[in-house]
PDB file of N, CA and C in Angstrom:
ATOM      1  N   MET A   1       3.558 -13.055   2.272  1.00  0.00           N
ATOM      2  CA  MET A   1       2.907 -12.454   1.312  1.00  0.00           C
ATOM      3  C   MET A   1       3.527 -10.904   1.464  1.00  0.00           C
ATOM      4  N   PHE A   2       3.660 -10.410   3.195  1.00  0.00           N
ATOM      5  CA  PHE A   2       4.342  -9.482   3.317  1.00  0.00           C
ATOM      6  C   PHE A   2       5.813  -9.281   3.180  1.00  0.00           C
ATOM      7  N   ALA A   3       6.280 -10.099   3.091  1.00  0.00           N
ATOM      8  CA  ALA A   3       7.827 -10.392   2.831  1.00  0.00           C
ATOM      9  C   ALA A   3       7.915 -10.413   1.106  1.00  0.00           C
ATOM     10  N   CYS A   4       7.058 -10.589   0.405  1.00  0.00           N
ATOM     11  CA  CYS A   4       6.940 -10.351  -1.136  1.00  0.00           C
ATOM     12  C   CYS A   4       6.898  -9.027  -1.273  1.00  0.00           C
ATOM     13  N   GLY A   5       5.850  -8.096  -0.445  1.00  0.00           N
ATOM     14  CA  GLY A   5       5.669  -6.952  -0.636  1.00  0.00           C
ATOM     15  C   GLY A   5       6.884  -5.911  -0.365  1.00  0.00           C
ATOM     16  N   VAL A   6       7.190  -6.380   0.768  1.00  0.00           N
ATOM     17  CA  VAL A   6       8.738  -5.745   1.150  1.00  0.00           C
ATOM     18  C   VAL A   6       9.678  -5.740  -0.005  1.00  0.00           C
ATOM     19  N   TYR A   7       9.986  -6.823  -0.470  1.00  0.00           N
ATOM     20  CA  TYR A   7      10.877  -7.214  -1.567  1.00  0.00           C
ATOM     21  C   TYR A   7      10.632  -6.289  -2.730  1.00  0.00           C
ATOM     22  N   GLY A   8       9.232  -6.440  -3.123  1.00  0.00           N
ATOM     23  CA  GLY A   8       8.954  -5.499  -4.204  1.00  0.00           C
ATOM     24  C   GLY A   8       9.288  -3.956  -3.905  1.00  0.00           C
ATOM     25  N   PHE A   9       8.819  -3.459  -3.101  1.00  0.00           N
ATOM     26  CA  PHE A   9       9.269  -2.146  -2.679  1.00  0.00           C
ATOM     27  C   PHE A   9      10.557  -1.693  -2.194  1.00  0.00           C
ATOM     28  N   ILE A  10      11.250  -2.763  -1.988  1.00  0.00           N
ATOM     29  CA  ILE A  10      12.919  -2.555  -2.098  1.00  0.00           C
ATOM     30  C   ILE A  10      13.414  -2.641  -3.251  1.00  0.00           C
ATOM     31  N   THR A  11      13.023  -3.264  -4.007  1.00  0.00           N
ATOM     32  CA  THR A  11      13.879  -3.423  -5.435  1.00  0.00           C
ATOM     33  C   THR A  11      13.188  -2.859  -6.615  1.00  0.00           C
ATOM     34  N   ARG A  12      11.975  -2.165  -6.636  1.00  0.00           N
ATOM     35  CA  ARG A  12      11.482  -1.797  -7.922  1.00  0.00           C
ATOM     36  C   ARG A  12      12.028  -0.235  -7.880  1.00  0.00           C
ATOM     37  N   LYS A  13      12.051   0.560  -8.899  1.00  0.00           N
ATOM     38  CA  LYS A  13      12.486   1.954  -8.965  1.00  0.00           C
ATOM     39  C   LYS A  13      11.272   2.591  -9.367  1.00  0.00           C
ATOM     40  N   ASN A  14      10.075   1.907 -10.088  1.00  0.00           N
ATOM     41  CA  ASN A  14       8.918   2.406 -10.612  1.00  0.00           C
ATOM     42  C   ASN A  14       7.686   2.898  -9.266  1.00  0.00           C
ATOM     43  N   MET A  15       7.126   4.133  -9.488  1.00  0.00           N
ATOM     44  CA  MET A  15       6.366   4.625  -8.289  1.00  0.00           C
ATOM     45  C   MET A  15       5.159   3.411  -8.522  1.00  0.00           C
ATOM     46  N   ILE A  16       4.559   3.194  -9.453  1.00  0.00           N
ATOM     47  CA  ILE A  16       3.271   2.272  -9.624  1.00  0.00           C
ATOM     48  C   ILE A  16       3.865   0.977  -8.892  1.00  0.00           C
ATOM     49  N   ALA A  17       5.096   0.437  -9.404  1.00  0.00           N
ATOM     50  CA  ALA A  17       5.253  -0.967  -8.585  1.00  0.00           C
ATOM     51  C   ALA A  17       5.535  -1.020  -7.179  1.00  0.00           C
ATOM     52  N   MET A  18       6.151   0.257  -6.738  1.00  0.00           N
ATOM     53  CA  MET A  18       6.256   0.743  -5.396  1.00  0.00           C
ATOM     54  C   MET A  18       4.734   0.771  -4.805  1.00  0.00           C
ATOM     55  N   LEU A  19       3.926   1.276  -5.264  1.00  0.00           N
ATOM     56  CA  LEU A  19       2.618   1.412  -4.617  1.00  0.00           C
ATOM     57  C   LEU A  19       1.681   0.252  -4.827  1.00  0.00           C
ATOM     58  N   VAL A  20       2.280  -0.793  -5.574  1.00  0.00           N
ATOM     59  CA  VAL A  20       1.331  -2.154  -5.843  1.00  0.00           C
ATOM     60  C   VAL A  20       1.930  -2.902  -4.464  1.00  0.00           C
ATOM     61  N   SER A  21       3.252  -3.003  -4.245  1.00  0.00           N
ATOM     62  CA  SER A  21       3.883  -3.669  -3.423  1.00  0.00           C
ATOM     63  C   SER A  21       3.504  -3.018  -1.995  1.00  0.00           C
ATOM     64  N   LEU A  22       3.352  -1.721  -1.975  1.00  0.00           N
ATOM     65  CA  LEU A  22       2.531  -1.463  -0.559  1.00  0.00           C
ATOM     66  C   LEU A  22       1.202  -1.902  -0.556  1.00  0.00           C
ATOM     67  N   GLU A  23       0.480  -1.948  -1.373  1.00  0.00           N
ATOM     68  CA  GLU A  23      -0.842  -2.553  -1.036  1.00  0.00           C
ATOM     69  C   GLU A  23      -0.742  -3.956  -0.708  1.00  0.00           C
ATOM     70  N   LEU A  24       0.050  -4.766  -1.305  1.00  0.00           N
ATOM     71  CA  LEU A  24       0.282  -6.118  -0.929  1.00  0.00           C
ATOM     72  C   LEU A  24       0.690  -6.347   0.424  1.00  0.00           C
ATOM     73  N   MET A  25       1.300  -5.352   1.230  1.00  0.00           N
ATOM     74  CA  MET A  25       1.921  -5.542   2.529  1.00  0.00           C
ATOM     75  C   MET A  25       0.376  -5.131   3.397  1.00  0.00           C
ATOM     76  N   LEU A  26      -0.076  -3.962   2.811  1.00  0.00           N
ATOM     77  CA  LEU A  26      -1.105  -3.658   3.717  1.00  0.00           C
ATOM     78  C   LEU A  26      -2.260  -4.763   3.715  1.00  0.00           C
ATOM     79  N   ASN A  27      -2.206  -5.512   2.620  1.00  0.00           N
ATOM     80  CA  ASN A  27      -3.243  -6.690   2.456  1.00  0.00           C
ATOM     81  C   ASN A  27      -2.807  -7.809   3.437  1.00  0.00           C
ATOM     82  N   ALA A  28      -1.415  -8.107   3.493  1.00  0.00           N
ATOM     83  CA  ALA A  28      -0.871  -9.321   4.357  1.00  0.00           C
ATOM     84  C   ALA A  28      -1.452  -8.845   5.513  1.00  0.00           C
ATOM     85  N   VAL A  29      -1.194  -7.769   6.356  1.00  0.00           N
ATOM     86  CA  VAL A  29      -1.374  -7.314   7.571  1.00  0.00           C
ATOM     87  C   VAL A  29      -3.270  -7.282   7.866  1.00  0.00           C
ATOM     88  N   ASP A  30      -3.778  -6.862   6.838  1.00  0.00           N
ATOM     89  CA  ASP A  30      -5.048  -7.449   6.907  1.00  0.00           C
ATOM     90  C   ASP A  30      -5.432  -8.902   7.036  1.00  0.00           C
ATOM     91  N   ILE A  31      -4.860  -9.286   6.351  1.00  0.00           N
ATOM     92  CA  ILE A  31      -5.184 -11.009   6.347  1.00  0.00           C
ATOM     93  C   ILE A  31      -4.991 -11.615   7.886  1.00  0.00           C
ATOM     94  N   ASN A  32      -3.861 -11.292   8.130  1.00  0.00           N
ATOM     95  CA  ASN A  32      -3.322 -11.312   9.819  1.00  0.00           C
ATOM     96  C   ASN A  32      -4.387 -11.114  10.817  1.00  0.00           C
ATOM     97  N   PHE A  33      -5.258  -9.492  10.484  1.00  0.00           N
ATOM     98  CA  PHE A  33      -5.929  -9.255  11.680  1.00  0.00           C
ATOM     99  C   PHE A  33      -7.196 -10.334  11.469  1.00  0.00           C
ATOM    100  N   VAL A  34      -7.552 -10.591  10.589  1.00  0.00           N
ATOM    101  CA  VAL A  34      -8.729 -11.577  10.396  1.00  0.00           C
ATOM    102  C   VAL A  34      -8.493 -13.059  11.048  1.00  0.00           C
ATOM    103  N   VAL A  35      -7.517 -13.256  10.755  1.00  0.00           N
ATOM    104  CA  VAL A  35      -7.023 -14.902  11.158  1.00  0.00           C
ATOM    105  C   VAL A  35      -6.747 -14.900  12.433  1.00  0.00           C
ATOM    106  N   PHE A  36      -6.174 -13.852  13.107  1.00  0.00           N
ATOM    107  CA  PHE A  36      -5.793 -14.181  14.588  1.00  0.00           C
ATOM    108  C   PHE A  36      -7.006 -13.839  15.380  1.00  0.00           C
ATOM    109  N   ASN A  37      -7.548 -12.523  14.894  1.00  0.00           N
ATOM    110  CA  ASN A  37      -9.389 -12.599  15.409  1.00  0.00           C
ATOM    111  C   ASN A  37     -10.256 -13.635  15.215  1.00  0.00           C
ATOM    112  N   ARG A  38     -10.262 -14.307  14.516  1.00  0.00           N
ATOM    113  CA  ARG A  38     -10.876 -15.706  14.465  1.00  0.00           C
ATOM    114  C   ARG A  38     -10.230 -16.592  15.120  1.00  0.00           C
ATOM    115  N   TYR A  39      -9.008 -16.874  15.472  1.00  0.00           N
ATOM    116  CA  TYR A  39      -8.421 -17.736  15.848  1.00  0.00           C
ATOM    117  C   TYR A  39      -8.551 -17.583  17.626  1.00  0.00           C
ATOM    118  N   LEU A  40      -8.312 -16.328  17.877  1.00  0.00           N
ATOM    119  CA  LEU A  40      -7.859 -16.049  19.265  1.00  0.00           C
ATOM    120  C   LEU A  40      -9.586 -15.662  19.868  1.00  0.00           C
ATOM    121  N   PHE A  41     -10.569 -15.204  19.239  1.00  0.00           N
ATOM    122  CA  PHE A  41     -11.933 -14.946  19.482  1.00  0.00           C
ATOM    123  C   PHE A  41     -12.841 -15.249  18.351  1.00  0.00           C
ATOM    124  N   PRO A  42     -13.040 -16.677  18.767  1.00  0.00           N
ATOM    125  CA  PRO A  42     -14.011 -17.323  17.492  1.00  0.00           C
ATOM    126  C   PRO A  42     -15.802 -16.141  17.260  1.00  0.00           C
ATOM    127  N   GLY A  43     -16.022 -15.931  18.337  1.00  0.00           N
ATOM    128  CA  GLY A  43     -17.076 -15.265  18.158  1.00  0.00           C
ATOM    129  C   GLY A  43     -17.206 -13.575  18.039  1.00  0.00           C
ATOM    130  N   ALA A  44     -16.008 -12.978  17.992  1.00  0.00           N
ATOM    131  CA  ALA A  44     -16.053 -11.583  18.019  1.00  0.00           C
ATOM    132  C   ALA A  44     -15.757 -11.195  16.709  1.00  0.00           C
ATOM    133  N   PHE A  45     -16.105 -10.024  16.265  1.00  0.00           N
ATOM    134  CA  PHE A  45     -15.827  -9.384  14.859  1.00  0.00           C
ATOM    135  C   PHE A  45     -15.049  -8.149  14.924  1.00  0.00           C
ATOM    136  N   GLU A  46     -14.236  -7.982  15.920  1.00  0.00           N
ATOM    137  CA  GLU A  46     -13.425  -6.707  16.179  1.00  0.00           C
ATOM    138  C   GLU A  46     -12.254  -6.655  15.005  1.00  0.00           C
ATOM    139  N   GLY A  47     -11.719  -7.621  14.600  1.00  0.00           N
ATOM    140  CA  GLY A  47     -10.545  -7.981  13.608  1.00  0.00           C
ATOM    141  C   GLY A  47     -11.277  -7.493  12.232  1.00  0.00           C
ATOM    142  N   MET A  48     -12.656  -7.917  11.892  1.00  0.00           N
ATOM    143  CA  MET A  48     -13.186  -7.873  10.808  1.00  0.00           C
ATOM    144  C   MET A  48     -13.375  -6.503  10.601  1.00  0.00           C
ATOM    145  N   PHE A  49     -13.932  -5.765  11.516  1.00  0.00           N
ATOM    146  CA  PHE A  49     -13.995  -4.458  11.213  1.00  0.00           C
ATOM    147  C   PHE A  49     -13.351  -3.687  11.096  1.00  0.00           C
ATOM    148  N   PHE A  50     -12.203  -3.867  12.251  1.00  0.00           N
ATOM    149  CA  PHE A  50     -10.694  -3.230  11.936  1.00  0.00           C
ATOM    150  C   PHE A  50     -10.255  -3.351  10.709  1.00  0.00           C
ATOM    151  N   THR A  51     -10.435  -4.493   9.862  1.00  0.00           N
ATOM    152  CA  THR A  51      -9.769  -4.717   8.564  1.00  0.00           C
ATOM    153  C   THR A  51     -10.356  -4.057   7.419  1.00  0.00           C
ATOM    154  N   LEU A  52     -12.012  -4.036   7.663  1.00  0.00           N
ATOM    155  CA  LEU A  52     -12.771  -3.342   6.680  1.00  0.00           C
ATOM    156  C   LEU A  52     -12.553  -1.634   6.798  1.00  0.00           C
ATOM    157  N   PHE A  53     -12.333  -1.300   8.223  1.00  0.00           N
ATOM    158  CA  PHE A  53     -11.671   0.250   8.174  1.00  0.00           C
ATOM    159  C   PHE A  53     -10.225   0.261   7.711  1.00  0.00           C
ATOM    160  N   ALA A  54      -9.250  -0.617   7.576  1.00  0.00           N
ATOM    161  CA  ALA A  54      -8.114  -0.660   7.363  1.00  0.00           C
ATOM    162  C   ALA A  54      -8.025  -0.343   5.690  1.00  0.00           C
ATOM    163  N   ILE A  55      -9.118  -1.069   5.171  1.00  0.00           N
ATOM    164  CA  ILE A  55      -9.165  -1.352   3.685  1.00  0.00           C
ATOM    165  C   ILE A  55      -9.717   0.027   3.008  1.00  0.00           C
ATOM    166  N   ALA A  56     -10.659   0.513   3.625  1.00  0.00           N
ATOM    167  CA  ALA A  56     -11.155   1.986   3.730  1.00  0.00           C
ATOM    168  C   ALA A  56      -9.907   2.950   3.563  1.00  0.00           C
ATOM    169  N   ILE A  57      -9.087   2.819   4.341  1.00  0.00           N
ATOM    170  CA  ILE A  57      -8.118   3.772   4.593  1.00  0.00           C
ATOM    171  C   ILE A  57      -7.074   3.658   3.358  1.00  0.00           C
ATOM    172  N   ALA A  58      -6.731   2.357   3.030  1.00  0.00           N
ATOM    173  CA  ALA A  58      -5.960   1.740   2.025  1.00  0.00           C
ATOM    174  C   ALA A  58      -6.431   2.423   0.787  1.00  0.00           C
ATOM    175  N   ALA A  59      -7.665   2.465   0.602  1.00  0.00           N
ATOM    176  CA  ALA A  59      -8.050   2.624  -0.811  1.00  0.00           C
ATOM    177  C   ALA A  59      -8.074   4.268  -0.927  1.00  0.00           C
ATOM    178  N   ALA A  60      -8.231   5.199   0.194  1.00  0.00           N
ATOM    179  CA  ALA A  60      -7.955   6.511   0.063  1.00  0.00           C
ATOM    180  C   ALA A  60      -6.532   6.935   0.012  1.00  0.00           C
ATOM    181  N   GLU A  61      -5.444   5.990   0.580  1.00  0.00           N
ATOM    182  CA  GLU A  61      -4.262   6.344   0.419  1.00  0.00           C
ATOM    183  C   GLU A  61      -3.988   5.781  -1.009  1.00  0.00           C
ATOM    184  N   THR A  62      -4.506   5.016  -1.619  1.00  0.00           N
ATOM    185  CA  THR A  62      -4.084   4.715  -2.767  1.00  0.00           C
ATOM    186  C   THR A  62      -4.425   6.029  -4.170  1.00  0.00           C
ATOM    187  N   ALA A  63      -5.627   6.163  -3.828  1.00  0.00           N
ATOM    188  CA  ALA A  63      -6.068   7.300  -4.650  1.00  0.00           C
ATOM    189  C   ALA A  63      -5.239   8.440  -4.564  1.00  0.00           C
ATOM    190  N   LEU A  64      -5.018   8.936  -3.516  1.00  0.00           N
ATOM    191  CA  LEU A  64      -3.994  10.008  -3.066  1.00  0.00           C
ATOM    192  C   LEU A  64      -2.512  10.088  -3.729  1.00  0.00           C
ATOM    193  N   ALA A  65      -2.295   8.416  -3.587  1.00  0.00           N
ATOM    194  CA  ALA A  65      -0.882   8.452  -4.148  1.00  0.00           C
ATOM    195  C   ALA A  65      -0.836   8.269  -5.745  1.00  0.00           C
ATOM    196  N   ILE A  66      -1.800   7.806  -6.320  1.00  0.00           N
ATOM    197  CA  ILE A  66      -1.909   7.776  -7.825  1.00  0.00           C
ATOM    198  C   ILE A  66      -2.079   9.134  -8.513  1.00  0.00           C
ATOM    199  N   ALA A  67      -2.962  10.241  -7.638  1.00  0.00           N
ATOM    200  CA  ALA A  67      -2.755  11.693  -8.014  1.00  0.00           C
ATOM    201  C   ALA A  67      -1.551  12.166  -7.979  1.00  0.00           C
ATOM    202  N   ILE A  68      -0.521  12.063  -7.100  1.00  0.00           N
ATOM    203  CA  ILE A  68       0.590  12.300  -6.571  1.00  0.00           C
ATOM    204  C   ILE A  68       1.407  11.833  -8.043  1.00  0.00           C
ATOM    205  N   ILE A  69       1.412  10.386  -8.124  1.00  0.00           N
ATOM    206  CA  ILE A  69       2.465  10.115  -9.470  1.00  0.00           C
ATOM    207  C   ILE A  69       2.005  10.724 -10.693  1.00  0.00           C
ATOM    208  N   ILE A  70       0.918  10.966 -10.933  1.00  0.00           N
ATOM    209  CA  ILE A  70       0.247  11.391 -11.863  1.00  0.00           C
ATOM    210  C   ILE A  70       0.676  12.873 -12.194  1.00  0.00           C
ATOM    211  N   ASN A  71       0.604  13.757 -11.191  1.00  0.00           N
ATOM    212  CA  ASN A  71       0.891  15.084 -11.079  1.00  0.00           C
ATOM    213  C   ASN A  71       2.600  14.800 -11.272  1.00  0.00           C
ATOM    214  N   ILE A  72       3.416  14.281 -10.795  1.00  0.00           N
ATOM    215  CA  ILE A  72       4.764  13.946 -11.101  1.00  0.00           C
ATOM    216  C   ILE A  72       5.311  13.651 -12.761  1.00  0.00           C
ATOM    217  N   PHE A  73       4.246  12.880 -13.250  1.00  0.00           N
ATOM    218  CA  PHE A  73       4.686  12.373 -14.339  1.00  0.00           C
ATOM    219  C   PHE A  73       4.226  13.551 -15.656  1.00  0.00           C
ATOM    220  N   ARG A  74       3.342  14.388 -15.101  1.00  0.00           N
ATOM    221  CA  ARG A  74       3.053  15.550 -15.807  1.00  0.00           C
ATOM    222  C   ARG A  74       4.215  16.542 -15.880  1.00  0.00           C
ATOM    223  N   ALA A  75       4.891  16.667 -14.571  1.00  0.00           N
ATOM    224  CA  ALA A  75       5.732  17.734 -14.708  1.00  0.00           C
ATOM    225  C   ALA A  75       7.124  16.982 -15.308  1.00  0.00           C
ATOM    226  N   GLU A  76       7.619  15.835 -15.102  1.00  0.00           N
ATOM    227  CA  GLU A  76       8.721  15.428 -15.223  1.00  0.00           C
ATOM    228  C   GLU A  76       8.890  14.242 -16.411  1.00  0.00           C
ATOM    229  N   LYS A  77       7.587  13.704 -16.874  1.00  0.00           N
ATOM    230  CA  LYS A  77       7.477  12.716 -17.738  1.00  0.00           C
ATOM    231  C   LYS A  77       8.069  11.537 -17.654  1.00  0.00           C
ATOM    232  N   ASN A  78       8.544  11.248 -16.375  1.00  0.00           N
ATOM    233  CA  ASN A  78       9.149  10.100 -15.846  1.00  0.00           C
ATOM    234  C   ASN A  78       8.557   9.832 -14.351  1.00  0.00           C
ATOM    235  N   ILE A  79       8.282   8.528 -14.129  1.00  0.00           N
ATOM    236  CA  ILE A  79       7.738   8.080 -12.551  1.00  0.00           C
ATOM    237  C   ILE A  79       9.135   7.335 -11.996  1.00  0.00           C
ATOM    238  N   ASP A  80      10.343   7.046 -12.282  1.00  0.00           N
ATOM    239  CA  ASP A  80      11.354   6.677 -11.700  1.00  0.00           C
ATOM    240  C   ASP A  80      11.693   7.473 -10.776  1.00  0.00           C
ATOM    241  N   VAL A  81      11.774   6.563  -9.618  1.00  0.00           N
ATOM    242  CA  VAL A  81      12.287   7.199  -8.347  1.00  0.00           C
ATOM    243  C   VAL A  81      13.528   8.043  -8.349  1.00  0.00           C
ATOM    244  N   ARG A  82      14.537   6.990  -8.795  1.00  0.00           N
ATOM    245  CA  ARG A  82      15.968   7.233  -9.155  1.00  0.00           C
ATOM    246  C   ARG A  82      16.116   8.690  -9.546  1.00  0.00           C
ATOM    247  N   ASN A  83      15.291   9.304 -10.721  1.00  0.00           N
ATOM    248  CA  ASN A  83      15.174  10.660 -11.244  1.00  0.00           C
ATOM    249  C   ASN A  83      14.752  11.766 -10.617  1.00  0.00           C
ATOM    250  N   LEU A  84      14.273  11.548  -9.484  1.00  0.00           N
ATOM    251  CA  LEU A  84      13.511  12.482  -8.712  1.00  0.00           C
ATOM    252  C   LEU A  84      14.216  12.928  -7.498  1.00  0.00           C
ATOM    253  N   ASP A  85      14.798  14.352  -7.505  1.00  0.00           N
ATOM    254  CA  ASP A  85      15.487  15.013  -6.570  1.00  0.00           C
ATOM    255  C   ASP A  85      14.984  15.963  -6.095  1.00  0.00           C
ATOM    256  N   LYS A  86      13.909  16.544  -6.580  1.00  0.00           N
ATOM    257  CA  LYS A  86      13.268  17.424  -5.540  1.00  0.00           C
ATOM    258  C   LYS A  86      11.559  17.136  -5.553  1.00  0.00           C
ATOM    259  N   MET A  87      11.193  17.869  -4.489  1.00  0.00           N
ATOM    260  CA  MET A  87       9.810  17.706  -4.346  1.00  0.00           C
ATOM    261  C   MET A  87       9.073  18.687  -4.909  1.00  0.00           C
ATOM    262  N   LYS A  88       9.387  20.035  -5.205  1.00  0.00           N
ATOM    263  CA  LYS A  88       8.571  21.389  -5.852  1.00  0.00           C
ATOM    264  C   LYS A  88       9.325  21.160  -7.469  1.00  0.00           C
ATOM    265  N   PHE A  89       8.369  20.788  -8.403  1.00  0.00           N
ATOM    266  CA  PHE A  89       8.572  20.875  -9.573  1.00  0.00           C
ATOM    267  C   PHE A  89       8.318  22.092 -10.362  1.00  0.00           C
TER     268      PHE A  89
END
């Protein structure tokens, strides 16, 4: 799942598709936290708590990224990464 996210992030030029690929990578990491915690320490919940914290951070990051993408679209009328060459519009 992580490899699919990396492939999507590298090959896509649309910012929304890149954001979805980034979320796919973050979800793969969260699944690994839970699985390894359950495998190595069957009675502990640290991996699950850390995963819930990571999901909350990912949700905030996604909201911020979508706000940035919307502002770029309003200014440039395009969200293709290849056409963006300056940060200040």
